[in-house]
PDB file of N, CA and C in Angstrom:
ATOM      1  N   MET A   1      -1.898  26.731  21.423  1.00  0.00           N
ATOM      2  CA  MET A   1      -2.069  25.230  20.847  1.00  0.00           C
ATOM      3  C   MET A   1      -3.113  25.388  19.965  1.00  0.00           C
ATOM      4  N   VAL A   2      -2.539  24.491  18.656  1.00  0.00           N
ATOM      5  CA  VAL A   2      -4.046  24.164  17.465  1.00  0.00           C
ATOM      6  C   VAL A   2      -4.775  22.878  17.645  1.00  0.00           C
ATOM      7  N   SER A   3      -5.915  23.039  17.913  1.00  0.00           N
ATOM      8  CA  SER A   3      -6.744  22.084  18.133  1.00  0.00           C
ATOM      9  C   SER A   3      -7.007  21.014  16.761  1.00  0.00           C
ATOM     10  N   ILE A   4      -6.423  19.726  16.958  1.00  0.00           N
ATOM     11  CA  ILE A   4      -6.940  19.097  15.271  1.00  0.00           C
ATOM     12  C   ILE A   4      -8.133  19.314  14.676  1.00  0.00           C
ATOM     13  N   ALA A   5      -9.278  20.059  15.222  1.00  0.00           N
ATOM     14  CA  ALA A   5     -10.680  20.283  14.968  1.00  0.00           C
ATOM     15  C   ALA A   5     -10.288  21.502  14.063  1.00  0.00           C
ATOM     16  N   MET A   6      -9.548  22.378  14.336  1.00  0.00           N
ATOM     17  CA  MET A   6      -9.035  23.339  13.356  1.00  0.00           C
ATOM     18  C   MET A   6      -8.339  23.335  12.081  1.00  0.00           C
ATOM     19  N   ILE A   7      -7.714  22.007  12.136  1.00  0.00           N
ATOM     20  CA  ILE A   7      -6.741  21.835  11.034  1.00  0.00           C
ATOM     21  C   ILE A   7      -7.847  21.356   9.794  1.00  0.00           C
ATOM     22  N   LYS A   8      -7.332  22.064   8.527  1.00  0.00           N
ATOM     23  CA  LYS A   8      -8.107  21.313   7.382  1.00  0.00           C
ATOM     24  C   LYS A   8      -7.321  21.223   6.235  1.00  0.00           C
ATOM     25  N   GLY A   9      -7.326  20.180   5.816  1.00  0.00           N
ATOM     26  CA  GLY A   9      -6.455  19.645   4.558  1.00  0.00           C
ATOM     27  C   GLY A   9      -7.107  20.440   3.316  1.00  0.00           C
ATOM     28  N   VAL A  10      -6.331  20.273   2.031  1.00  0.00           N
ATOM     29  CA  VAL A  10      -6.652  20.573   0.953  1.00  0.00           C
ATOM     30  C   VAL A  10      -6.934  19.307   0.093  1.00  0.00           C
ATOM     31  N   GLY A  11      -7.504  19.760  -1.041  1.00  0.00           N
ATOM     32  CA  GLY A  11      -8.048  19.186  -2.303  1.00  0.00           C
ATOM     33  C   GLY A  11      -6.912  18.767  -3.453  1.00  0.00           C
ATOM     34  N   ILE A  12      -6.320  17.423  -3.755  1.00  0.00           N
ATOM     35  CA  ILE A  12      -5.264  17.214  -4.216  1.00  0.00           C
ATOM     36  C   ILE A  12      -5.914  16.254  -5.441  1.00  0.00           C
ATOM     37  N   THR A  13      -5.294  16.269  -6.622  1.00  0.00           N
ATOM     38  CA  THR A  13      -5.766  15.139  -7.792  1.00  0.00           C
ATOM     39  C   THR A  13      -4.952  14.025  -8.207  1.00  0.00           C
ATOM     40  N   LEU A  14      -5.540  13.065  -7.605  1.00  0.00           N
ATOM     41  CA  LEU A  14      -5.104  11.644  -7.762  1.00  0.00           C
ATOM     42  C   LEU A  14      -5.190  11.000  -9.309  1.00  0.00           C
ATOM     43  N   LEU A  15      -4.182  10.850  -9.671  1.00  0.00           N
ATOM     44  CA  LEU A  15      -3.994  10.267 -11.246  1.00  0.00           C
ATOM     45  C   LEU A  15      -4.192   8.648 -11.111  1.00  0.00           C
ATOM     46  N   SER A  16      -4.861   7.772 -11.182  1.00  0.00           N
ATOM     47  CA  SER A  16      -5.215   6.644 -10.751  1.00  0.00           C
ATOM     48  C   SER A  16      -4.899   5.619 -12.074  1.00  0.00           C
ATOM     49  N   LYS A  17      -3.827   5.018 -11.986  1.00  0.00           N
ATOM     50  CA  LYS A  17      -3.040   4.219 -13.045  1.00  0.00           C
ATOM     51  C   LYS A  17      -3.601   2.997 -13.196  1.00  0.00           C
ATOM     52  N   THR A  18      -4.711   2.320 -14.170  1.00  0.00           N
ATOM     53  CA  THR A  18      -5.458   1.216 -14.199  1.00  0.00           C
ATOM     54  C   THR A  18      -4.645   0.516 -15.271  1.00  0.00           C
ATOM     55  N   GLN A  19      -4.285  -0.672 -15.653  1.00  0.00           N
ATOM     56  CA  GLN A  19      -4.099  -1.690 -16.443  1.00  0.00           C
ATOM     57  C   GLN A  19      -5.261  -1.905 -17.293  1.00  0.00           C
ATOM     58  N   THR A  20      -5.282  -1.622 -18.540  1.00  0.00           N
ATOM     59  CA  THR A  20      -6.558  -1.762 -19.582  1.00  0.00           C
ATOM     60  C   THR A  20      -6.343  -2.996 -20.522  1.00  0.00           C
ATOM     61  N   GLY A  21      -4.936  -3.222 -20.488  1.00  0.00           N
ATOM     62  CA  GLY A  21      -4.823  -4.391 -21.715  1.00  0.00           C
ATOM     63  C   GLY A  21      -3.173  -4.462 -22.011  1.00  0.00           C
ATOM     64  N   VAL A  22      -3.347  -4.761 -23.075  1.00  0.00           N
ATOM     65  CA  VAL A  22      -1.558  -5.489 -23.422  1.00  0.00           C
ATOM     66  C   VAL A  22      -1.483  -4.731 -24.604  1.00  0.00           C
ATOM     67  N   ASP A  23      -0.431  -4.243 -25.236  1.00  0.00           N
ATOM     68  CA  ASP A  23      -0.167  -4.209 -26.654  1.00  0.00           C
ATOM     69  C   ASP A  23       0.128  -5.032 -27.369  1.00  0.00           C
ATOM     70  N   GLY A  24       0.510  -4.893 -28.818  1.00  0.00           N
ATOM     71  CA  GLY A  24       0.912  -5.735 -29.498  1.00  0.00           C
ATOM     72  C   GLY A  24       2.143  -6.869 -29.195  1.00  0.00           C
ATOM     73  N   PHE A  25       3.009  -6.346 -28.664  1.00  0.00           N
ATOM     74  CA  PHE A  25       4.283  -6.446 -27.967  1.00  0.00           C
ATOM     75  C   PHE A  25       4.296  -7.060 -26.328  1.00  0.00           C
ATOM     76  N   GLY A  26       2.693  -7.165 -26.290  1.00  0.00           N
ATOM     77  CA  GLY A  26       2.869  -8.097 -24.776  1.00  0.00           C
ATOM     78  C   GLY A  26       3.005  -6.869 -23.662  1.00  0.00           C
ATOM     79  N   ALA A  27       3.248  -5.764 -23.762  1.00  0.00           N
ATOM     80  CA  ALA A  27       3.558  -4.625 -22.814  1.00  0.00           C
ATOM     81  C   ALA A  27       2.024  -4.325 -22.108  1.00  0.00           C
ATOM     82  N   PRO A  28       1.934  -3.800 -21.314  1.00  0.00           N
ATOM     83  CA  PRO A  28       0.775  -3.419 -20.390  1.00  0.00           C
ATOM     84  C   PRO A  28       0.684  -2.023 -20.837  1.00  0.00           C
ATOM     85  N   VAL A  29      -0.879  -1.729 -20.914  1.00  0.00           N
ATOM     86  CA  VAL A  29      -1.056  -0.724 -21.448  1.00  0.00           C
ATOM     87  C   VAL A  29      -2.341  -0.263 -20.227  1.00  0.00           C
ATOM     88  N   TYR A  30      -1.910   1.286 -20.233  1.00  0.00           N
ATOM     89  CA  TYR A  30      -2.693   1.774 -18.773  1.00  0.00           C
ATOM     90  C   TYR A  30      -3.368   3.071 -19.355  1.00  0.00           C
ATOM     91  N   THR A  31      -4.434   3.180 -18.377  1.00  0.00           N
ATOM     92  CA  THR A  31      -5.060   4.724 -18.558  1.00  0.00           C
ATOM     93  C   THR A  31      -4.956   5.078 -17.225  1.00  0.00           C
ATOM     94  N   GLU A  32      -5.308   6.627 -17.134  1.00  0.00           N
ATOM     95  CA  GLU A  32      -5.182   7.442 -15.762  1.00  0.00           C
ATOM     96  C   GLU A  32      -6.832   8.158 -15.602  1.00  0.00           C
ATOM     97  N   GLU A  33      -6.933   8.162 -14.467  1.00  0.00           N
ATOM     98  CA  GLU A  33      -8.236   8.610 -14.160  1.00  0.00           C
ATOM     99  C   GLU A  33      -7.909   9.464 -13.281  1.00  0.00           C
ATOM    100  N   GLU A  34      -8.609  10.842 -13.430  1.00  0.00           N
ATOM    101  CA  GLU A  34      -8.213  11.987 -12.293  1.00  0.00           C
ATOM    102  C   GLU A  34      -9.340  11.700 -11.399  1.00  0.00           C
ATOM    103  N   GLU A  35      -8.908  12.298 -10.128  1.00  0.00           N
ATOM    104  CA  GLU A  35      -9.928  12.245  -8.855  1.00  0.00           C
ATOM    105  C   GLU A  35      -9.894  13.039  -8.134  1.00  0.00           C
ATOM    106  N   THR A  36     -10.469  13.674  -7.692  1.00  0.00           N
ATOM    107  CA  THR A  36     -10.053  14.717  -6.384  1.00  0.00           C
ATOM    108  C   THR A  36     -10.065  13.829  -4.807  1.00  0.00           C
ATOM    109  N   VAL A  37      -9.229  13.931  -3.997  1.00  0.00           N
ATOM    110  CA  VAL A  37      -9.142  13.523  -2.900  1.00  0.00           C
ATOM    111  C   VAL A  37      -9.055  14.495  -1.630  1.00  0.00           C
ATOM    112  N   GLU A  38     -10.421  15.302  -1.320  1.00  0.00           N
ATOM    113  CA  GLU A  38     -10.276  16.006  -0.286  1.00  0.00           C
ATOM    114  C   GLU A  38      -9.728  15.685   1.195  1.00  0.00           C
ATOM    115  N   ASN A  39      -9.120  16.882   1.682  1.00  0.00           N
ATOM    116  CA  ASN A  39      -8.650  17.171   3.411  1.00  0.00           C
ATOM    117  C   ASN A  39      -7.329  16.231   3.401  1.00  0.00           C
ATOM    118  N   VAL A  40      -6.348  16.341   2.415  1.00  0.00           N
ATOM    119  CA  VAL A  40      -5.201  15.878   2.549  1.00  0.00           C
ATOM    120  C   VAL A  40      -4.056  16.841   2.959  1.00  0.00           C
ATOM    121  N   LEU A  41      -3.380  16.715   4.027  1.00  0.00           N
ATOM    122  CA  LEU A  41      -2.614  17.417   4.498  1.00  0.00           C
ATOM    123  C   LEU A  41      -1.036  17.357   3.749  1.00  0.00           C
ATOM    124  N   ILE A  42      -0.550  18.564   3.500  1.00  0.00           N
ATOM    125  CA  ILE A  42       0.711  18.576   2.746  1.00  0.00           C
ATOM    126  C   ILE A  42       2.077  19.119   3.850  1.00  0.00           C
ATOM    127  N   ALA A  43       2.858  18.374   3.649  1.00  0.00           N
ATOM    128  CA  ALA A  43       4.134  18.941   4.793  1.00  0.00           C
ATOM    129  C   ALA A  43       5.567  18.892   4.067  1.00  0.00           C
ATOM    130  N   PRO A  44       6.632  19.267   4.024  1.00  0.00           N
ATOM    131  CA  PRO A  44       7.797  18.791   3.622  1.00  0.00           C
ATOM    132  C   PRO A  44       8.291  17.940   4.189  1.00  0.00           C
ATOM    133  N   ALA A  45       8.886  17.156   3.400  1.00  0.00           N
ATOM    134  CA  ALA A  45       9.450  15.875   4.024  1.00  0.00           C
ATOM    135  C   ALA A  45      10.607  16.483   5.104  1.00  0.00           C
ATOM    136  N   SER A  46      10.918  15.518   6.013  1.00  0.00           N
ATOM    137  CA  SER A  46      11.722  15.885   7.070  1.00  0.00           C
ATOM    138  C   SER A  46      12.827  15.314   6.701  1.00  0.00           C
ATOM    139  N   ALA A  47      14.018  15.960   7.140  1.00  0.00           N
ATOM    140  CA  ALA A  47      15.428  15.465   6.534  1.00  0.00           C
ATOM    141  C   ALA A  47      15.753  13.715   6.760  1.00  0.00           C
ATOM    142  N   GLU A  48      14.992  13.549   8.091  1.00  0.00           N
ATOM    143  CA  GLU A  48      14.968  11.878   8.580  1.00  0.00           C
ATOM    144  C   GLU A  48      14.539  11.130   6.821  1.00  0.00           C
ATOM    145  N   ASP A  49      13.530  11.323   6.769  1.00  0.00           N
ATOM    146  CA  ASP A  49      12.440  11.115   5.794  1.00  0.00           C
ATOM    147  C   ASP A  49      12.833  10.860   4.341  1.00  0.00           C
ATOM    148  N   ILE A  50      13.603  12.287   3.762  1.00  0.00           N
ATOM    149  CA  ILE A  50      14.387  12.273   2.488  1.00  0.00           C
ATOM    150  C   ILE A  50      15.674  11.271   2.755  1.00  0.00           C
ATOM    151  N   GLU A  51      16.152  11.002   3.824  1.00  0.00           N
ATOM    152  CA  GLU A  51      17.486  10.352   3.809  1.00  0.00           C
ATOM    153  C   GLU A  51      17.333   8.838   4.024  1.00  0.00           C
ATOM    154  N   SER A  52      16.039   8.561   4.530  1.00  0.00           N
ATOM    155  CA  SER A  52      15.679   6.888   4.915  1.00  0.00           C
ATOM    156  C   SER A  52      15.243   6.744   3.244  1.00  0.00           C
ATOM    157  N   THR A  53      14.069   7.626   2.694  1.00  0.00           N
ATOM    158  CA  THR A  53      13.752   7.029   1.205  1.00  0.00           C
ATOM    159  C   THR A  53      14.955   7.069   0.171  1.00  0.00           C
ATOM    160  N   LEU A  54      15.859   7.919   0.398  1.00  0.00           N
ATOM    161  CA  LEU A  54      16.579   8.156  -0.665  1.00  0.00           C
ATOM    162  C   LEU A  54      17.368   6.837  -0.620  1.00  0.00           C
ATOM    163  N   ASN A  55      17.775   6.313   0.925  1.00  0.00           N
ATOM    164  CA  ASN A  55      18.586   4.921   1.223  1.00  0.00           C
ATOM    165  C   ASN A  55      17.832   3.578   0.336  1.00  0.00           C
ATOM    166  N   LEU A  56      16.419   3.818   0.866  1.00  0.00           N
ATOM    167  CA  LEU A  56      15.730   2.546   0.631  1.00  0.00           C
ATOM    168  C   LEU A  56      15.509   2.607  -1.083  1.00  0.00           C
ATOM    169  N   THR A  57      14.785   3.621  -1.476  1.00  0.00           N
ATOM    170  CA  THR A  57      14.295   3.512  -2.991  1.00  0.00           C
ATOM    171  C   THR A  57      15.178   4.475  -3.834  1.00  0.00           C
ATOM    172  N   GLY A  58      16.388   4.955  -3.730  1.00  0.00           N
ATOM    173  CA  GLY A  58      17.341   5.808  -4.374  1.00  0.00           C
ATOM    174  C   GLY A  58      16.385   7.144  -4.876  1.00  0.00           C
ATOM    175  N   ARG A  59      15.533   7.489  -4.245  1.00  0.00           N
ATOM    176  CA  ARG A  59      14.332   8.410  -4.702  1.00  0.00           C
ATOM    177  C   ARG A  59      14.186   9.476  -3.820  1.00  0.00           C
ATOM    178  N   LYS A  60      14.250  10.940  -4.300  1.00  0.00           N
ATOM    179  CA  LYS A  60      14.216  11.831  -3.028  1.00  0.00           C
ATOM    180  C   LYS A  60      12.908  12.360  -2.611  1.00  0.00           C
ATOM    181  N   ALA A  61      12.470  12.025  -1.612  1.00  0.00           N
ATOM    182  CA  ALA A  61      11.040  12.758  -1.182  1.00  0.00           C
ATOM    183  C   ALA A  61      10.901  14.159  -0.885  1.00  0.00           C
ATOM    184  N   ALA A  62      10.131  14.792  -1.435  1.00  0.00           N
ATOM    185  CA  ALA A  62       9.884  15.904  -1.222  1.00  0.00           C
ATOM    186  C   ALA A  62       8.979  16.439  -0.115  1.00  0.00           C
ATOM    187  N   TYR A  63       7.952  15.950  -0.452  1.00  0.00           N
ATOM    188  CA  TYR A  63       6.559  16.108   0.518  1.00  0.00           C
ATOM    189  C   TYR A  63       6.332  14.847   0.928  1.00  0.00           C
ATOM    190  N   THR A  64       5.569  14.827   2.174  1.00  0.00           N
ATOM    191  CA  THR A  64       4.691  13.987   2.942  1.00  0.00           C
ATOM    192  C   THR A  64       3.190  14.406   3.100  1.00  0.00           C
ATOM    193  N   LEU A  65       2.329  13.651   2.302  1.00  0.00           N
ATOM    194  CA  LEU A  65       1.068  13.748   2.519  1.00  0.00           C
ATOM    195  C   LEU A  65       0.204  12.909   3.400  1.00  0.00           C
ATOM    196  N   ALA A  66      -0.748  13.411   4.094  1.00  0.00           N
ATOM    197  CA  ALA A  66      -1.549  13.011   5.134  1.00  0.00           C
ATOM    198  C   ALA A  66      -2.813  12.638   4.767  1.00  0.00           C
ATOM    199  N   ILE A  67      -3.198  11.343   4.532  1.00  0.00           N
ATOM    200  CA  ILE A  67      -4.437  10.707   3.904  1.00  0.00           C
ATOM    201  C   ILE A  67      -5.651  10.556   4.659  1.00  0.00           C
ATOM    202  N   PRO A  68      -7.079  10.873   4.555  1.00  0.00           N
ATOM    203  CA  PRO A  68      -7.623  11.200   5.662  1.00  0.00           C
ATOM    204  C   PRO A  68      -8.304   9.301   5.841  1.00  0.00           C
ATOM    205  N   LYS A  69      -8.681   9.078   6.893  1.00  0.00           N
ATOM    206  CA  LYS A  69      -9.181   7.993   7.349  1.00  0.00           C
ATOM    207  C   LYS A  69     -10.481   7.627   6.414  1.00  0.00           C
ATOM    208  N   GLY A  70     -10.584   6.225   5.961  1.00  0.00           N
ATOM    209  CA  GLY A  70     -11.614   5.843   5.162  1.00  0.00           C
ATOM    210  C   GLY A  70     -11.215   5.847   3.751  1.00  0.00           C
ATOM    211  N   ASP A  71     -10.115   6.417   3.306  1.00  0.00           N
ATOM    212  CA  ASP A  71      -9.789   6.639   2.087  1.00  0.00           C
ATOM    213  C   ASP A  71      -9.478   4.791   1.822  1.00  0.00           C
ATOM    214  N   THR A  72      -9.655   4.902   0.379  1.00  0.00           N
ATOM    215  CA  THR A  72      -9.777   3.401  -0.040  1.00  0.00           C
ATOM    216  C   THR A  72      -8.795   3.218  -1.442  1.00  0.00           C
ATOM    217  N   HIS A  73      -8.093   4.354  -1.400  1.00  0.00           N
ATOM    218  CA  HIS A  73      -7.392   4.415  -3.366  1.00  0.00           C
ATOM    219  C   HIS A  73      -6.190   3.661  -2.968  1.00  0.00           C
ATOM    220  N   THR A  74      -5.270   3.059  -4.330  1.00  0.00           N
ATOM    221  CA  THR A  74      -4.036   2.864  -4.267  1.00  0.00           C
ATOM    222  C   THR A  74      -3.464   3.797  -4.710  1.00  0.00           C
ATOM    223  N   TRP A  75      -2.519   4.188  -3.494  1.00  0.00           N
ATOM    224  CA  TRP A  75      -1.512   4.958  -3.639  1.00  0.00           C
ATOM    225  C   TRP A  75       0.111   4.989  -4.024  1.00  0.00           C
ATOM    226  N   GLU A  76       0.014   3.798  -3.722  1.00  0.00           N
ATOM    227  CA  GLU A  76       1.589   3.266  -4.519  1.00  0.00           C
ATOM    228  C   GLU A  76       1.851   3.533  -6.084  1.00  0.00           C
ATOM    229  N   GLY A  77       2.719   3.825  -6.304  1.00  0.00           N
ATOM    230  CA  GLY A  77       3.277   3.828  -8.269  1.00  0.00           C
ATOM    231  C   GLY A  77       2.406   5.082  -8.723  1.00  0.00           C
ATOM    232  N   GLN A  78       1.404   5.847  -7.819  1.00  0.00           N
ATOM    233  CA  GLN A  78       0.260   6.832  -8.767  1.00  0.00           C
ATOM    234  C   GLN A  78       1.302   8.466  -8.660  1.00  0.00           C
ATOM    235  N   ARG A  79       0.674   8.968  -9.764  1.00  0.00           N
ATOM    236  CA  ARG A  79       0.961  10.394  -9.673  1.00  0.00           C
ATOM    237  C   ARG A  79      -0.093  11.349  -8.874  1.00  0.00           C
ATOM    238  N   VAL A  80       0.202  12.393  -8.231  1.00  0.00           N
ATOM    239  CA  VAL A  80      -0.596  13.375  -7.921  1.00  0.00           C
ATOM    240  C   VAL A  80      -0.663  14.658  -8.328  1.00  0.00           C
ATOM    241  N   GLN A  81      -1.191  15.601  -8.042  1.00  0.00           N
ATOM    242  CA  GLN A  81      -1.311  17.112  -8.432  1.00  0.00           C
ATOM    243  C   GLN A  81      -1.526  17.830  -7.373  1.00  0.00           C
ATOM    244  N   PHE A  82      -0.712  18.759  -6.900  1.00  0.00           N
ATOM    245  CA  PHE A  82      -1.216  20.068  -6.403  1.00  0.00           C
ATOM    246  C   PHE A  82      -0.056  20.952  -6.082  1.00  0.00           C
ATOM    247  N   PHE A  83      -0.057  22.073  -5.510  1.00  0.00           N
ATOM    248  CA  PHE A  83       0.701  23.352  -5.831  1.00  0.00           C
ATOM    249  C   PHE A  83       0.858  23.644  -7.796  1.00  0.00           C
ATOM    250  N   GLY A  84       0.164  22.830  -8.372  1.00  0.00           N
ATOM    251  CA  GLY A  84       0.191  23.595  -9.855  1.00  0.00           C
ATOM    252  C   GLY A  84       1.435  22.631 -10.183  1.00  0.00           C
ATOM    253  N   GLN A  85       1.818  21.468  -9.822  1.00  0.00           N
ATOM    254  CA  GLN A  85       2.965  20.559 -10.425  1.00  0.00           C
ATOM    255  C   GLN A  85       2.637  19.093 -10.080  1.00  0.00           C
ATOM    256  N   THR A  86       3.029  18.015 -10.631  1.00  0.00           N
ATOM    257  CA  THR A  86       2.813  17.099 -10.638  1.00  0.00           C
ATOM    258  C   THR A  86       3.909  16.271  -9.892  1.00  0.00           C
ATOM    259  N   TRP A  87       3.501  15.223  -9.151  1.00  0.00           N
ATOM    260  CA  TRP A  87       4.307  14.605  -8.173  1.00  0.00           C
ATOM    261  C   TRP A  87       4.113  13.164  -8.308  1.00  0.00           C
ATOM    262  N   ARG A  88       4.954  12.231  -7.866  1.00  0.00           N
ATOM    263  CA  ARG A  88       4.808  10.673  -8.034  1.00  0.00           C
ATOM    264  C   ARG A  88       5.188   9.996  -6.562  1.00  0.00           C
ATOM    265  N   VAL A  89       4.109   9.641  -6.180  1.00  0.00           N
ATOM    266  CA  VAL A  89       4.415   8.759  -5.038  1.00  0.00           C
ATOM    267  C   VAL A  89       5.347   7.777  -4.819  1.00  0.00           C
ATOM    268  N   VAL A  90       6.393   7.770  -3.891  1.00  0.00           N
ATOM    269  CA  VAL A  90       7.441   7.172  -3.431  1.00  0.00           C
ATOM    270  C   VAL A  90       7.008   6.024  -2.636  1.00  0.00           C
ATOM    271  N   GLY A  91       7.766   4.808  -2.694  1.00  0.00           N
ATOM    272  CA  GLY A  91       7.368   3.570  -1.375  1.00  0.00           C
ATOM    273  C   GLY A  91       6.219   3.454  -1.369  1.00  0.00           C
ATOM    274  N   ILE A  92       5.385   2.989  -0.109  1.00  0.00           N
ATOM    275  CA  ILE A  92       4.430   2.538   0.182  1.00  0.00           C
ATOM    276  C   ILE A  92       3.583   3.526   0.880  1.00  0.00           C
ATOM    277  N   ALA A  93       2.505   3.262   1.029  1.00  0.00           N
ATOM    278  CA  ALA A  93       1.556   4.134   1.982  1.00  0.00           C
ATOM    279  C   ALA A  93       1.740   3.578   3.240  1.00  0.00           C
ATOM    280  N   LEU A  94       2.002   4.362   4.319  1.00  0.00           N
ATOM    281  CA  LEU A  94       1.655   3.667   5.496  1.00  0.00           C
ATOM    282  C   LEU A  94       0.744   3.986   6.364  1.00  0.00           C
ATOM    283  N   SER A  95       0.039   2.833   6.911  1.00  0.00           N
ATOM    284  CA  SER A  95      -1.245   3.265   7.514  1.00  0.00           C
ATOM    285  C   SER A  95      -1.335   2.524   9.036  1.00  0.00           C
ATOM    286  N   GLY A  96      -1.879   3.568   9.826  1.00  0.00           N
ATOM    287  CA  GLY A  96      -2.052   3.157  11.364  1.00  0.00           C
ATOM    288  C   GLY A  96      -3.561   2.916  11.875  1.00  0.00           C
ATOM    289  N   MET A  97      -4.042   2.334  12.616  1.00  0.00           N
ATOM    290  CA  MET A  97      -5.410   1.597  12.905  1.00  0.00           C
ATOM    291  C   MET A  97      -5.933   2.859  13.537  1.00  0.00           C
ATOM    292  N   ASP A  98      -7.514   3.201  12.696  1.00  0.00           N
ATOM    293  CA  ASP A  98      -8.060   4.404  12.824  1.00  0.00           C
ATOM    294  C   ASP A  98      -8.409   4.530  14.357  1.00  0.00           C
ATOM    295  N   GLU A  99      -8.816   3.820  15.261  1.00  0.00           N
ATOM    296  CA  GLU A  99      -9.257   4.341  16.376  1.00  0.00           C
ATOM    297  C   GLU A  99      -7.841   4.321  17.432  1.00  0.00           C
ATOM    298  N   LEU A 100      -6.637   3.992  16.818  1.00  0.00           N
ATOM    299  CA  LEU A 100      -5.778   4.324  17.992  1.00  0.00           C
ATOM    300  C   LEU A 100      -4.886   5.710  17.551  1.00  0.00           C
ATOM    301  N   ILE A 101      -5.177   6.504  16.273  1.00  0.00           N
ATOM    302  CA  ILE A 101      -4.730   7.870  15.723  1.00  0.00           C
ATOM    303  C   ILE A 101      -5.793   8.795  16.084  1.00  0.00           C
ATOM    304  N   PRO A 102      -5.322   9.647  16.578  1.00  0.00           N
ATOM    305  CA  PRO A 102      -6.751  10.966  16.719  1.00  0.00           C
ATOM    306  C   PRO A 102      -6.562  11.813  15.601  1.00  0.00           C
ATOM    307  N   GLY A 103      -7.383  12.644  15.262  1.00  0.00           N
ATOM    308  CA  GLY A 103      -7.703  13.189  14.125  1.00  0.00           C
ATOM    309  C   GLY A 103      -8.145  12.456  12.899  1.00  0.00           C
ATOM    310  N   PRO A 104      -8.413  13.039  11.891  1.00  0.00           N
ATOM    311  CA  PRO A 104      -9.072  12.817  10.780  1.00  0.00           C
ATOM    312  C   PRO A 104      -8.121  11.827   9.688  1.00  0.00           C
ATOM    313  N   TRP A 105      -6.700  11.876  10.003  1.00  0.00           N
ATOM    314  CA  TRP A 105      -5.810  11.235   8.781  1.00  0.00           C
ATOM    315  C   TRP A 105      -4.943  10.205   9.802  1.00  0.00           C
ATOM    316  N   ASN A 106      -5.034   9.100   8.989  1.00  0.00           N
ATOM    317  CA  ASN A 106      -4.322   7.820   9.392  1.00  0.00           C
ATOM    318  C   ASN A 106      -3.232   6.978   8.566  1.00  0.00           C
ATOM    319  N   THR A 107      -3.022   7.575   7.097  1.00  0.00           N
ATOM    320  CA  THR A 107      -1.946   7.139   6.002  1.00  0.00           C
ATOM    321  C   THR A 107      -1.652   8.121   5.337  1.00  0.00           C
ATOM    322  N   LYS A 108      -0.246   7.950   5.563  1.00  0.00           N
ATOM    323  CA  LYS A 108       0.855   8.952   4.973  1.00  0.00           C
ATOM    324  C   LYS A 108       1.635   8.381   3.845  1.00  0.00           C
ATOM    325  N   VAL A 109       1.719   9.043   2.895  1.00  0.00           N
ATOM    326  CA  VAL A 109       2.610   8.626   1.513  1.00  0.00           C
ATOM    327  C   VAL A 109       3.616   9.993   1.544  1.00  0.00           C
ATOM    328  N   GLN A 110       4.671   9.588   0.552  1.00  0.00           N
ATOM    329  CA  GLN A 110       5.744  10.327   0.134  1.00  0.00           C
ATOM    330  C   GLN A 110       5.878  10.853  -1.311  1.00  0.00           C
ATOM    331  N   VAL A 111       6.117  12.191  -1.502  1.00  0.00           N
ATOM    332  CA  VAL A 111       6.035  12.460  -3.130  1.00  0.00           C
ATOM    333  C   VAL A 111       7.665  12.801  -3.510  1.00  0.00           C
ATOM    334  N   GLU A 112       7.566  12.579  -4.372  1.00  0.00           N
ATOM    335  CA  GLU A 112       8.952  13.443  -5.611  1.00  0.00           C
ATOM    336  C   GLU A 112       8.329  14.326  -6.585  1.00  0.00           C
ATOM    337  N   ARG A 113       8.860  14.969  -6.777  1.00  0.00           N
ATOM    338  CA  ARG A 113       8.772  16.046  -8.098  1.00  0.00           C
ATOM    339  C   ARG A 113       8.498  14.914  -9.363  1.00  0.00           C
ATOM    340  N   TYR A 114       7.990  14.820 -10.304  1.00  0.00           N
ATOM    341  CA  TYR A 114       7.806  14.091 -11.280  1.00  0.00           C
ATOM    342  C   TYR A 114       7.572  15.076 -12.493  1.00  0.00           C
ATOM    343  N   GLU A 115       8.481  15.231 -13.771  1.00  0.00           N
ATOM    344  CA  GLU A 115       8.331  15.805 -14.744  1.00  0.00           C
ATOM    345  C   GLU A 115       8.384  15.190 -16.074  1.00  0.00           C
TER     346      GLU A 115
END
């Protein structure tokens, strides 16, 4: 049996998109900031997660990321980089109550391949 204390996540790059204004046609203009988020668990999405995400959003989740407790980043609609590839967050981040979830992770997001 593996102890939760023995599990360690990896660092991923979060590309946070922030609206910085509007262009001459009134369309929003965005900038992206790179930030490393440490101790993120990466797991292949389950068949159930893939099917439900595809039914709800029309997008195919490839991986599920477990985000550490205390993280305050906005994940919805953002891009992330890991395994030498770029991925896009699909759907919303699902969080539980810190005190009711053992271990250092309490939020999960799903990502799809972004090209």
